[in-house]
Amino acid sequence: AYFDAHYKALAFMKEHPDEALAIAAKEQKISLEDAKAQMPL
């Protein structure tokens, strides 16, 4: 059940990358540009 949720999140990141980055940026309290710079790492 845990992995069902985890893989669902990974699928969302792949299908909706901009929204996923916006969600992460908000949680991390960083700009969207900084979030985009972090993601490839």
PDB file of all heavy atoms in Angstrom:
ATOM      1  N   ALA A   1       0.835  -1.199   0.000  1.00  0.00           N
ATOM      2  CA  ALA A   1       0.000   0.000   0.000  1.00  0.00           C
ATOM      3  C   ALA A   1       0.872   1.253   0.000  1.00  0.00           C
ATOM      4  O   ALA A   1       0.573   2.241  -0.687  1.00  0.00           O
ATOM      5  CB  ALA A   1      -0.934  -0.001   1.216  1.00  0.00           C
ATOM      6  N   TYR A   2       1.958   1.197   0.772  1.00  0.00           N
ATOM      7  CA  TYR A   2       2.891   2.327   0.779  1.00  0.00           C
ATOM      8  C   TYR A   2       3.464   2.554  -0.616  1.00  0.00           C
ATOM      9  O   TYR A   2       3.510   3.686  -1.117  1.00  0.00           O
ATOM     10  CB  TYR A   2       4.027   2.093   1.775  1.00  0.00           C
ATOM     11  CG  TYR A   2       5.133   3.107   1.621  1.00  0.00           C
ATOM     12  CD1 TYR A   2       5.005   4.370   2.180  1.00  0.00           C
ATOM     13  CD2 TYR A   2       6.261   2.832   0.845  1.00  0.00           C
ATOM     14  CE1 TYR A   2       5.985   5.330   1.991  1.00  0.00           C
ATOM     15  CE2 TYR A   2       7.240   3.779   0.648  1.00  0.00           C
ATOM     16  CZ  TYR A   2       7.101   5.025   1.226  1.00  0.00           C
ATOM     17  OH  TYR A   2       8.059   5.976   1.024  1.00  0.00           O
ATOM     18  N   PHE A   3       3.885   1.479  -1.281  1.00  0.00           N
ATOM     19  CA  PHE A   3       4.480   1.627  -2.606  1.00  0.00           C
ATOM     20  C   PHE A   3       3.459   2.064  -3.649  1.00  0.00           C
ATOM     21  O   PHE A   3       3.806   2.766  -4.610  1.00  0.00           O
ATOM     22  CB  PHE A   3       5.182   0.348  -3.033  1.00  0.00           C
ATOM     23  CG  PHE A   3       6.560   0.220  -2.439  1.00  0.00           C
ATOM     24  CD1 PHE A   3       6.851  -0.776  -1.525  1.00  0.00           C
ATOM     25  CD2 PHE A   3       7.557   1.115  -2.780  1.00  0.00           C
ATOM     26  CE1 PHE A   3       8.109  -0.885  -0.961  1.00  0.00           C
ATOM     27  CE2 PHE A   3       8.831   1.023  -2.228  1.00  0.00           C
ATOM     28  CZ  PHE A   3       9.105   0.019  -1.324  1.00  0.00           C
ATOM     29  N   ASP A   4       2.202   1.683  -3.464  1.00  0.00           N
ATOM     30  CA  ASP A   4       1.167   2.184  -4.365  1.00  0.00           C
ATOM     31  C   ASP A   4       1.156   3.714  -4.345  1.00  0.00           C
ATOM     32  O   ASP A   4       1.078   4.368  -5.387  1.00  0.00           O
ATOM     33  CB  ASP A   4      -0.209   1.653  -3.954  1.00  0.00           C
ATOM     34  CG  ASP A   4      -0.415   0.195  -4.328  1.00  0.00           C
ATOM     35  OD1 ASP A   4       0.381  -0.337  -5.129  1.00  0.00           O
ATOM     36  OD2 ASP A   4      -1.368  -0.422  -3.808  1.00  0.00           O
ATOM     37  N   ALA A   5       1.237   4.276  -3.135  1.00  0.00           N
ATOM     38  CA  ALA A   5       1.238   5.732  -2.998  1.00  0.00           C
ATOM     39  C   ALA A   5       2.519   6.344  -3.539  1.00  0.00           C
ATOM     40  O   ALA A   5       2.504   7.384  -4.213  1.00  0.00           O
ATOM     41  CB  ALA A   5       1.039   6.103  -1.525  1.00  0.00           C
ATOM     42  N   HIS A   6       3.645   5.710  -3.247  1.00  0.00           N
ATOM     43  CA  HIS A   6       4.939   6.235  -3.689  1.00  0.00           C
ATOM     44  C   HIS A   6       5.020   6.265  -5.217  1.00  0.00           C
ATOM     45  O   HIS A   6       5.419   7.278  -5.809  1.00  0.00           O
ATOM     46  CB  HIS A   6       6.062   5.370  -3.115  1.00  0.00           C
ATOM     47  CG  HIS A   6       7.431   5.927  -3.362  1.00  0.00           C
ATOM     48  ND1 HIS A   6       7.953   6.958  -2.622  1.00  0.00           N
ATOM     49  CD2 HIS A   6       8.380   5.596  -4.276  1.00  0.00           C
ATOM     50  CE1 HIS A   6       9.169   7.246  -3.052  1.00  0.00           C
ATOM     51  NE2 HIS A   6       9.451   6.429  -4.069  1.00  0.00           N
ATOM     52  N   TYR A   7       4.617   5.181  -5.860  1.00  0.00           N
ATOM     53  CA  TYR A   7       4.664   5.137  -7.320  1.00  0.00           C
ATOM     54  C   TYR A   7       3.630   6.069  -7.945  1.00  0.00           C
ATOM     55  O   TYR A   7       3.834   6.583  -9.053  1.00  0.00           O
ATOM     56  CB  TYR A   7       4.487   3.698  -7.812  1.00  0.00           C
ATOM     57  CG  TYR A   7       5.811   2.975  -7.939  1.00  0.00           C
ATOM     58  CD1 TYR A   7       6.405   2.383  -6.823  1.00  0.00           C
ATOM     59  CD2 TYR A   7       6.481   2.914  -9.152  1.00  0.00           C
ATOM     60  CE1 TYR A   7       7.626   1.739  -6.925  1.00  0.00           C
ATOM     61  CE2 TYR A   7       7.705   2.271  -9.263  1.00  0.00           C
ATOM     62  CZ  TYR A   7       8.277   1.683  -8.146  1.00  0.00           C
ATOM     63  OH  TYR A   7       9.492   1.059  -8.245  1.00  0.00           O
ATOM     64  N   LYS A   8       2.544   6.296  -7.250  1.00  0.00           N
ATOM     65  CA  LYS A   8       1.555   7.243  -7.752  1.00  0.00           C
ATOM     66  C   LYS A   8       2.142   8.659  -7.769  1.00  0.00           C
ATOM     67  O   LYS A   8       1.918   9.437  -8.703  1.00  0.00           O
ATOM     68  CB  LYS A   8       0.291   7.195  -6.880  1.00  0.00           C
ATOM     69  CG  LYS A   8      -0.933   7.817  -7.530  1.00  0.00           C
ATOM     70  CD  LYS A   8      -2.187   7.481  -6.732  1.00  0.00           C
ATOM     71  CE  LYS A   8      -3.433   8.027  -7.417  1.00  0.00           C
ATOM     72  NZ  LYS A   8      -4.669   7.680  -6.669  1.00  0.00           N
ATOM     73  N   ALA A   9       2.929   8.978  -6.734  1.00  0.00           N
ATOM     74  CA  ALA A   9       3.592  10.282  -6.684  1.00  0.00           C
ATOM     75  C   ALA A   9       4.625  10.404  -7.805  1.00  0.00           C
ATOM     76  O   ALA A   9       4.738  11.454  -8.455  1.00  0.00           O
ATOM     77  CB  ALA A   9       4.253  10.480  -5.322  1.00  0.00           C
ATOM     78  N   LEU A  10       5.383   9.350  -8.047  1.00  0.00           N
ATOM     79  CA  LEU A  10       6.371   9.377  -9.128  1.00  0.00           C
ATOM     80  C   LEU A  10       5.687   9.558 -10.488  1.00  0.00           C
ATOM     81  O   LEU A  10       6.193  10.287 -11.352  1.00  0.00           O
ATOM     82  CB  LEU A  10       7.195   8.091  -9.122  1.00  0.00           C
ATOM     83  CG  LEU A  10       8.151   7.904  -7.938  1.00  0.00           C
ATOM     84  CD1 LEU A  10       8.785   6.521  -7.990  1.00  0.00           C
ATOM     85  CD2 LEU A  10       9.221   8.983  -7.911  1.00  0.00           C
ATOM     86  N   ALA A  11       4.558   8.898 -10.660  1.00  0.00           N
ATOM     87  CA  ALA A  11       3.813   9.047 -11.922  1.00  0.00           C
ATOM     88  C   ALA A  11       3.317  10.478 -12.091  1.00  0.00           C
ATOM     89  O   ALA A  11       3.370  11.044 -13.201  1.00  0.00           O
ATOM     90  CB  ALA A  11       2.646   8.065 -11.946  1.00  0.00           C
ATOM     91  N   PHE A  12       2.844  11.082 -10.996  1.00  0.00           N
ATOM     92  CA  PHE A  12       2.374  12.467 -11.066  1.00  0.00           C
ATOM     93  C   PHE A  12       3.529  13.395 -11.451  1.00  0.00           C
ATOM     94  O   PHE A  12       3.355  14.312 -12.263  1.00  0.00           O
ATOM     95  CB  PHE A  12       1.794  12.889  -9.717  1.00  0.00           C
ATOM     96  CG  PHE A  12       1.246  14.290  -9.718  1.00  0.00           C
ATOM     97  CD1 PHE A  12      -0.059  14.532 -10.101  1.00  0.00           C
ATOM     98  CD2 PHE A  12       2.045  15.363  -9.352  1.00  0.00           C
ATOM     99  CE1 PHE A  12      -0.561  15.833 -10.131  1.00  0.00           C
ATOM    100  CE2 PHE A  12       1.557  16.658  -9.373  1.00  0.00           C
ATOM    101  CZ  PHE A  12       0.247  16.893  -9.762  1.00  0.00           C
ATOM    102  N   MET A  13       4.715  13.160 -10.869  1.00  0.00           N
ATOM    103  CA  MET A  13       5.882  13.981 -11.199  1.00  0.00           C
ATOM    104  C   MET A  13       6.225  13.889 -12.681  1.00  0.00           C
ATOM    105  O   MET A  13       6.628  14.873 -13.297  1.00  0.00           O
ATOM    106  CB  MET A  13       7.076  13.531 -10.348  1.00  0.00           C
ATOM    107  CG  MET A  13       6.951  13.867  -8.881  1.00  0.00           C
ATOM    108  SD  MET A  13       8.161  12.952  -7.859  1.00  0.00           S
ATOM    109  CE  MET A  13       9.711  13.489  -8.607  1.00  0.00           C
ATOM    110  N   LYS A  14       6.066  12.712 -13.255  1.00  0.00           N
ATOM    111  CA  LYS A  14       6.371  12.511 -14.671  1.00  0.00           C
ATOM    112  C   LYS A  14       5.318  13.137 -15.569  1.00  0.00           C
ATOM    113  O   LYS A  14       5.648  13.751 -16.594  1.00  0.00           O
ATOM    114  CB  LYS A  14       6.484  11.013 -14.964  1.00  0.00           C
ATOM    115  CG  LYS A  14       6.869  10.678 -16.400  1.00  0.00           C
ATOM    116  CD  LYS A  14       7.018   9.180 -16.588  1.00  0.00           C
ATOM    117  CE  LYS A  14       7.420   8.842 -18.025  1.00  0.00           C
ATOM    118  NZ  LYS A  14       7.591   7.366 -18.207  1.00  0.00           N
ATOM    119  N   GLU A  15       4.055  13.002 -15.171  1.00  0.00           N
ATOM    120  CA  GLU A  15       2.957  13.474 -16.014  1.00  0.00           C
ATOM    121  C   GLU A  15       2.668  14.966 -15.839  1.00  0.00           C
ATOM    122  O   GLU A  15       2.163  15.620 -16.756  1.00  0.00           O
ATOM    123  CB  GLU A  15       1.704  12.662 -15.696  1.00  0.00           C
ATOM    124  CG  GLU A  15       1.833  11.183 -16.072  1.00  0.00           C
ATOM    125  CD  GLU A  15       0.785  10.311 -15.410  1.00  0.00           C
ATOM    126  OE1 GLU A  15      -0.156  10.881 -14.800  1.00  0.00           O
ATOM    127  OE2 GLU A  15       0.908   9.081 -15.484  1.00  0.00           O
ATOM    128  N   HIS A  16       2.973  15.498 -14.654  1.00  0.00           N
ATOM    129  CA  HIS A  16       2.692  16.914 -14.358  1.00  0.00           C
ATOM    130  C   HIS A  16       3.929  17.565 -13.721  1.00  0.00           C
ATOM    131  O   HIS A  16       3.889  17.997 -12.566  1.00  0.00           O
ATOM    132  CB  HIS A  16       1.493  17.031 -13.413  1.00  0.00           C
ATOM    133  CG  HIS A  16       0.270  16.307 -13.880  1.00  0.00           C
ATOM    134  ND1 HIS A  16      -0.574  16.820 -14.848  1.00  0.00           N
ATOM    135  CD2 HIS A  16      -0.241  15.094 -13.537  1.00  0.00           C
ATOM    136  CE1 HIS A  16      -1.555  15.963 -15.061  1.00  0.00           C
ATOM    137  NE2 HIS A  16      -1.387  14.914 -14.288  1.00  0.00           N
ATOM    138  N   PRO A  17       5.045  17.632 -14.455  1.00  0.00           N
ATOM    139  CA  PRO A  17       6.297  18.111 -13.859  1.00  0.00           C
ATOM    140  C   PRO A  17       6.227  19.533 -13.322  1.00  0.00           C
ATOM    141  O   PRO A  17       6.794  19.834 -12.265  1.00  0.00           O
ATOM    142  CB  PRO A  17       7.306  17.993 -15.007  1.00  0.00           C
ATOM    143  CG  PRO A  17       6.473  17.973 -16.258  1.00  0.00           C
ATOM    144  CD  PRO A  17       5.212  17.277 -15.876  1.00  0.00           C
ATOM    145  N   ASP A  18       5.549  20.414 -14.014  1.00  0.00           N
ATOM    146  CA  ASP A  18       5.476  21.805 -13.566  1.00  0.00           C
ATOM    147  C   ASP A  18       4.696  21.917 -12.253  1.00  0.00           C
ATOM    148  O   ASP A  18       5.101  22.647 -11.342  1.00  0.00           O
ATOM    149  CB  ASP A  18       4.831  22.685 -14.632  1.00  0.00           C
ATOM    150  CG  ASP A  18       5.707  22.833 -15.871  1.00  0.00           C
ATOM    151  OD1 ASP A  18       6.931  22.585 -15.756  1.00  0.00           O
ATOM    152  OD2 ASP A  18       5.172  23.177 -16.936  1.00  0.00           O
ATOM    153  N   GLU A  19       3.572  21.205 -12.169  1.00  0.00           N
ATOM    154  CA  GLU A  19       2.786  21.255 -10.939  1.00  0.00           C
ATOM    155  C   GLU A  19       3.545  20.612  -9.783  1.00  0.00           C
ATOM    156  O   GLU A  19       3.510  21.119  -8.652  1.00  0.00           O
ATOM    157  CB  GLU A  19       1.442  20.556 -11.130  1.00  0.00           C
ATOM    158  CG  GLU A  19       0.512  20.720  -9.928  1.00  0.00           C
ATOM    159  CD  GLU A  19      -0.856  20.089 -10.136  1.00  0.00           C
ATOM    160  OE1 GLU A  19      -1.180  19.706 -11.277  1.00  0.00           O
ATOM    161  OE2 GLU A  19      -1.596  19.977  -9.135  1.00  0.00           O
ATOM    162  N   ALA A  20       4.246  19.509 -10.060  1.00  0.00           N
ATOM    163  CA  ALA A  20       5.025  18.851  -9.012  1.00  0.00           C
ATOM    164  C   ALA A  20       6.115  19.775  -8.482  1.00  0.00           C
ATOM    165  O   ALA A  20       6.331  19.876  -7.263  1.00  0.00           O
ATOM    166  CB  ALA A  20       5.647  17.563  -9.544  1.00  0.00           C
ATOM    167  N   LEU A  21       6.785  20.482  -9.385  1.00  0.00           N
ATOM    168  CA  LEU A  21       7.825  21.428  -8.958  1.00  0.00           C
ATOM    169  C   LEU A  21       7.229  22.578  -8.155  1.00  0.00           C
ATOM    170  O   LEU A  21       7.823  23.038  -7.171  1.00  0.00           O
ATOM    171  CB  LEU A  21       8.567  21.972 -10.175  1.00  0.00           C
ATOM    172  CG  LEU A  21       9.670  21.083 -10.755  1.00  0.00           C
ATOM    173  CD1 LEU A  21      10.235  21.696 -12.014  1.00  0.00           C
ATOM    174  CD2 LEU A  21      10.780  20.871  -9.726  1.00  0.00           C
ATOM    175  N   ALA A  22       6.063  23.045  -8.551  1.00  0.00           N
ATOM    176  CA  ALA A  22       5.409  24.127  -7.814  1.00  0.00           C
ATOM    177  C   ALA A  22       5.053  23.684  -6.406  1.00  0.00           C
ATOM    178  O   ALA A  22       5.212  24.436  -5.438  1.00  0.00           O
ATOM    179  CB  ALA A  22       4.159  24.590  -8.573  1.00  0.00           C
ATOM    180  N   ILE A  23       4.571  22.454  -6.282  1.00  0.00           N
ATOM    181  CA  ILE A  23       4.241  21.900  -4.964  1.00  0.00           C
ATOM    182  C   ILE A  23       5.497  21.809  -4.107  1.00  0.00           C
ATOM    183  O   ILE A  23       5.500  22.195  -2.924  1.00  0.00           O
ATOM    184  CB  ILE A  23       3.588  20.510  -5.121  1.00  0.00           C
ATOM    185  CG1 ILE A  23       2.198  20.647  -5.734  1.00  0.00           C
ATOM    186  CG2 ILE A  23       3.507  19.788  -3.775  1.00  0.00           C
ATOM    187  CD1 ILE A  23       1.577  19.319  -6.161  1.00  0.00           C
ATOM    188  N   ALA A  24       6.591  21.307  -4.699  1.00  0.00           N
ATOM    189  CA  ALA A  24       7.844  21.163  -3.956  1.00  0.00           C
ATOM    190  C   ALA A  24       8.413  22.521  -3.562  1.00  0.00           C
ATOM    191  O   ALA A  24       8.903  22.703  -2.445  1.00  0.00           O
ATOM    192  CB  ALA A  24       8.854  20.380  -4.782  1.00  0.00           C
ATOM    193  N   ALA A  25       8.355  23.481  -4.483  1.00  0.00           N
ATOM    194  CA  ALA A  25       8.879  24.818  -4.197  1.00  0.00           C
ATOM    195  C   ALA A  25       8.128  25.466  -3.032  1.00  0.00           C
ATOM    196  O   ALA A  25       8.730  26.088  -2.150  1.00  0.00           O
ATOM    197  CB  ALA A  25       8.779  25.695  -5.443  1.00  0.00           C
ATOM    198  N   LYS A  26       6.821  25.300  -3.028  1.00  0.00           N
ATOM    199  CA  LYS A  26       6.020  25.867  -1.943  1.00  0.00           C
ATOM    200  C   LYS A  26       6.380  25.241  -0.604  1.00  0.00           C
ATOM    201  O   LYS A  26       6.555  25.941   0.409  1.00  0.00           O
ATOM    202  CB  LYS A  26       4.534  25.656  -2.231  1.00  0.00           C
ATOM    203  CG  LYS A  26       3.610  26.226  -1.167  1.00  0.00           C
ATOM    204  CD  LYS A  26       2.146  25.985  -1.526  1.00  0.00           C
ATOM    205  CE  LYS A  26       1.215  26.510  -0.437  1.00  0.00           C
ATOM    206  NZ  LYS A  26      -0.208  26.242  -0.767  1.00  0.00           N
ATOM    207  N   GLU A  27       6.523  23.918  -0.579  1.00  0.00           N
ATOM    208  CA  GLU A  27       6.867  23.219   0.660  1.00  0.00           C
ATOM    209  C   GLU A  27       8.260  23.615   1.148  1.00  0.00           C
ATOM    210  O   GLU A  27       8.486  23.775   2.347  1.00  0.00           O
ATOM    211  CB  GLU A  27       6.802  21.706   0.428  1.00  0.00           C
ATOM    212  CG  GLU A  27       7.359  20.847   1.559  1.00  0.00           C
ATOM    213  CD  GLU A  27       6.487  20.850   2.808  1.00  0.00           C
ATOM    214  OE1 GLU A  27       5.345  21.355   2.752  1.00  0.00           O
ATOM    215  OE2 GLU A  27       6.958  20.357   3.852  1.00  0.00           O
ATOM    216  N   GLN A  28       9.188  23.768   0.207  1.00  0.00           N
ATOM    217  CA  GLN A  28      10.575  24.089   0.566  1.00  0.00           C
ATOM    218  C   GLN A  28      10.793  25.588   0.787  1.00  0.00           C
ATOM    219  O   GLN A  28      11.880  25.999   1.189  1.00  0.00           O
ATOM    220  CB  GLN A  28      11.509  23.597  -0.529  1.00  0.00           C
ATOM    221  CG  GLN A  28      11.543  22.088  -0.693  1.00  0.00           C
ATOM    222  CD  GLN A  28      12.403  21.419   0.349  1.00  0.00           C
ATOM    223  OE1 GLN A  28      13.608  21.588   0.368  1.00  0.00           O
ATOM    224  NE2 GLN A  28      11.781  20.658   1.230  1.00  0.00           N
ATOM    225  N   LYS A  29       9.763  26.380   0.455  1.00  0.00           N
ATOM    226  CA  LYS A  29       9.855  27.840   0.584  1.00  0.00           C
ATOM    227  C   LYS A  29      10.988  28.398  -0.284  1.00  0.00           C
ATOM    228  O   LYS A  29      11.791  29.237   0.164  1.00  0.00           O
ATOM    229  CB  LYS A  29      10.018  28.261   2.056  1.00  0.00           C
ATOM    230  CG  LYS A  29       8.827  27.893   2.916  1.00  0.00           C
ATOM    231  CD  LYS A  29       9.042  28.322   4.363  1.00  0.00           C
ATOM    232  CE  LYS A  29       7.804  28.071   5.214  1.00  0.00           C
ATOM    233  NZ  LYS A  29       7.438  26.640   5.275  1.00  0.00           N
ATOM    234  N   ILE A  30      11.054  27.911  -1.514  1.00  0.00           N
ATOM    235  CA  ILE A  30      12.028  28.403  -2.472  1.00  0.00           C
ATOM    236  C   ILE A  30      11.283  28.800  -3.741  1.00  0.00           C
ATOM    237  O   ILE A  30      10.112  28.478  -3.923  1.00  0.00           O
ATOM    238  CB  ILE A  30      13.114  27.347  -2.803  1.00  0.00           C
ATOM    239  CG1 ILE A  30      12.472  26.071  -3.382  1.00  0.00           C
ATOM    240  CG2 ILE A  30      13.940  27.025  -1.569  1.00  0.00           C
ATOM    241  CD1 ILE A  30      13.483  25.026  -3.815  1.00  0.00           C
ATOM    242  N   SER A  31      11.973  29.514  -4.617  1.00  0.00           N
ATOM    243  CA  SER A  31      11.347  29.938  -5.868  1.00  0.00           C
ATOM    244  C   SER A  31      11.210  28.748  -6.813  1.00  0.00           C
ATOM    245  O   SER A  31      11.905  27.732  -6.677  1.00  0.00           O
ATOM    246  CB  SER A  31      12.189  31.029  -6.538  1.00  0.00           C
ATOM    247  OG  SER A  31      13.411  30.478  -7.010  1.00  0.00           O
ATOM    248  N   LEU A  32      10.327  28.905  -7.780  1.00  0.00           N
ATOM    249  CA  LEU A  32      10.158  27.861  -8.784  1.00  0.00           C
ATOM    250  C   LEU A  32      11.449  27.679  -9.572  1.00  0.00           C
ATOM    251  O   LEU A  32      11.815  26.551  -9.934  1.00  0.00           O
ATOM    252  CB  LEU A  32       9.007  28.230  -9.724  1.00  0.00           C
ATOM    253  CG  LEU A  32       8.596  27.158 -10.739  1.00  0.00           C
ATOM    254  CD1 LEU A  32       8.198  25.861 -10.035  1.00  0.00           C
ATOM    255  CD2 LEU A  32       7.449  27.671 -11.604  1.00  0.00           C
ATOM    256  N   GLU A  33      12.171  28.779  -9.795  1.00  0.00           N
ATOM    257  CA  GLU A  33      13.437  28.690 -10.524  1.00  0.00           C
ATOM    258  C   GLU A  33      14.455  27.866  -9.735  1.00  0.00           C
ATOM    259  O   GLU A  33      15.188  27.047 -10.306  1.00  0.00           O
ATOM    260  CB  GLU A  33      14.001  30.092 -10.782  1.00  0.00           C
ATOM    261  CG  GLU A  33      13.218  30.919 -11.798  1.00  0.00           C
ATOM    262  CD  GLU A  33      11.854  31.375 -11.278  1.00  0.00           C
ATOM    263  OE1 GLU A  33      11.687  31.457 -10.037  1.00  0.00           O
ATOM    264  OE2 GLU A  33      10.964  31.628 -12.115  1.00  0.00           O
ATOM    265  N   ASP A  34      14.498  28.056  -8.419  1.00  0.00           N
ATOM    266  CA  ASP A  34      15.420  27.279  -7.585  1.00  0.00           C
ATOM    267  C   ASP A  34      15.018  25.803  -7.567  1.00  0.00           C
ATOM    268  O   ASP A  34      15.871  24.916  -7.562  1.00  0.00           O
ATOM    269  CB  ASP A  34      15.450  27.829  -6.161  1.00  0.00           C
ATOM    270  CG  ASP A  34      16.205  29.148  -6.052  1.00  0.00           C
ATOM    271  OD1 ASP A  34      17.012  29.434  -6.958  1.00  0.00           O
ATOM    272  OD2 ASP A  34      15.972  29.893  -5.085  1.00  0.00           O
ATOM    273  N   ALA A  35      13.719  25.557  -7.556  1.00  0.00           N
ATOM    274  CA  ALA A  35      13.244  24.172  -7.581  1.00  0.00           C
ATOM    275  C   ALA A  35      13.646  23.495  -8.887  1.00  0.00           C
ATOM    276  O   ALA A  35      14.078  22.331  -8.896  1.00  0.00           O
ATOM    277  CB  ALA A  35      11.727  24.128  -7.407  1.00  0.00           C
ATOM    278  N   LYS A  36      13.523  24.218  -9.999  1.00  0.00           N
ATOM    279  CA  LYS A  36      13.922  23.662 -11.289  1.00  0.00           C
ATOM    280  C   LYS A  36      15.415  23.366 -11.328  1.00  0.00           C
ATOM    281  O   LYS A  36      15.852  22.385 -11.948  1.00  0.00           O
ATOM    282  CB  LYS A  36      13.552  24.637 -12.410  1.00  0.00           C
ATOM    283  CG  LYS A  36      12.063  24.720 -12.700  1.00  0.00           C
ATOM    284  CD  LYS A  36      11.769  25.711 -13.820  1.00  0.00           C
ATOM    285  CE  LYS A  36      10.275  25.756 -14.117  1.00  0.00           C
ATOM    286  NZ  LYS A  36       9.951  26.746 -15.185  1.00  0.00           N
ATOM    287  N   ALA A  37      16.210  24.186 -10.647  1.00  0.00           N
ATOM    288  CA  ALA A  37      17.655  23.955 -10.595  1.00  0.00           C
ATOM    289  C   ALA A  37      18.001  22.742  -9.743  1.00  0.00           C
ATOM    290  O   ALA A  37      18.987  22.047 -10.007  1.00  0.00           O
ATOM    291  CB  ALA A  37      18.360  25.197 -10.056  1.00  0.00           C
ATOM    292  N   GLN A  38      17.180  22.477  -8.727  1.00  0.00           N
ATOM    293  CA  GLN A  38      17.430  21.343  -7.834  1.00  0.00           C
ATOM    294  C   GLN A  38      17.083  20.007  -8.478  1.00  0.00           C
ATOM    295  O   GLN A  38      17.774  19.003  -8.279  1.00  0.00           O
ATOM    296  CB  GLN A  38      16.597  21.499  -6.558  1.00  0.00           C
ATOM    297  CG  GLN A  38      17.059  22.593  -5.611  1.00  0.00           C
ATOM    298  CD  GLN A  38      18.305  22.191  -4.851  1.00  0.00           C
ATOM    299  OE1 GLN A  38      18.346  21.144  -4.223  1.00  0.00           O
ATOM    300  NE2 GLN A  38      19.317  23.033  -4.930  1.00  0.00           N
ATOM    301  N   MET A  39      16.023  19.982  -9.252  1.00  0.00           N
ATOM    302  CA  MET A  39      15.472  18.717  -9.730  1.00  0.00           C
ATOM    303  C   MET A  39      16.477  17.832 -10.473  1.00  0.00           C
ATOM    304  O   MET A  39      16.525  16.618 -10.251  1.00  0.00           O
ATOM    305  CB  MET A  39      14.250  19.004 -10.618  1.00  0.00           C
ATOM    306  CG  MET A  39      13.396  17.781 -10.880  1.00  0.00           C
ATOM    307  SD  MET A  39      12.650  17.161  -9.347  1.00  0.00           S
ATOM    308  CE  MET A  39      11.722  15.780 -10.008  1.00  0.00           C
ATOM    309  N   PRO A  40      17.317  18.381 -11.361  1.00  0.00           N
ATOM    310  CA  PRO A  40      18.246  17.513 -12.097  1.00  0.00           C
ATOM    311  C   PRO A  40      19.321  16.860 -11.223  1.00  0.00           C
ATOM    312  O   PRO A  40      20.036  15.964 -11.698  1.00  0.00           O
ATOM    313  CB  PRO A  40      18.886  18.474 -13.111  1.00  0.00           C
ATOM    314  CG  PRO A  40      17.957  19.632 -13.209  1.00  0.00           C
ATOM    315  CD  PRO A  40      17.366  19.775 -11.857  1.00  0.00           C
ATOM    316  N   LEU A  41      19.438  17.299  -9.979  1.00  0.00           N
ATOM    317  CA  LEU A  41      20.464  16.745  -9.094  1.00  0.00           C
ATOM    318  C   LEU A  41      20.055  15.388  -8.522  1.00  0.00           C
ATOM    319  O   LEU A  41      20.877  14.720  -7.881  1.00  0.00           O
ATOM    320  CB  LEU A  41      20.746  17.710  -7.936  1.00  0.00           C
ATOM    321  CG  LEU A  41      21.167  19.143  -8.315  1.00  0.00           C
ATOM    322  CD1 LEU A  41      21.423  19.950  -7.045  1.00  0.00           C
ATOM    323  CD2 LEU A  41      22.400  19.125  -9.202  1.00  0.00           C
TER     324      LEU A  41
END
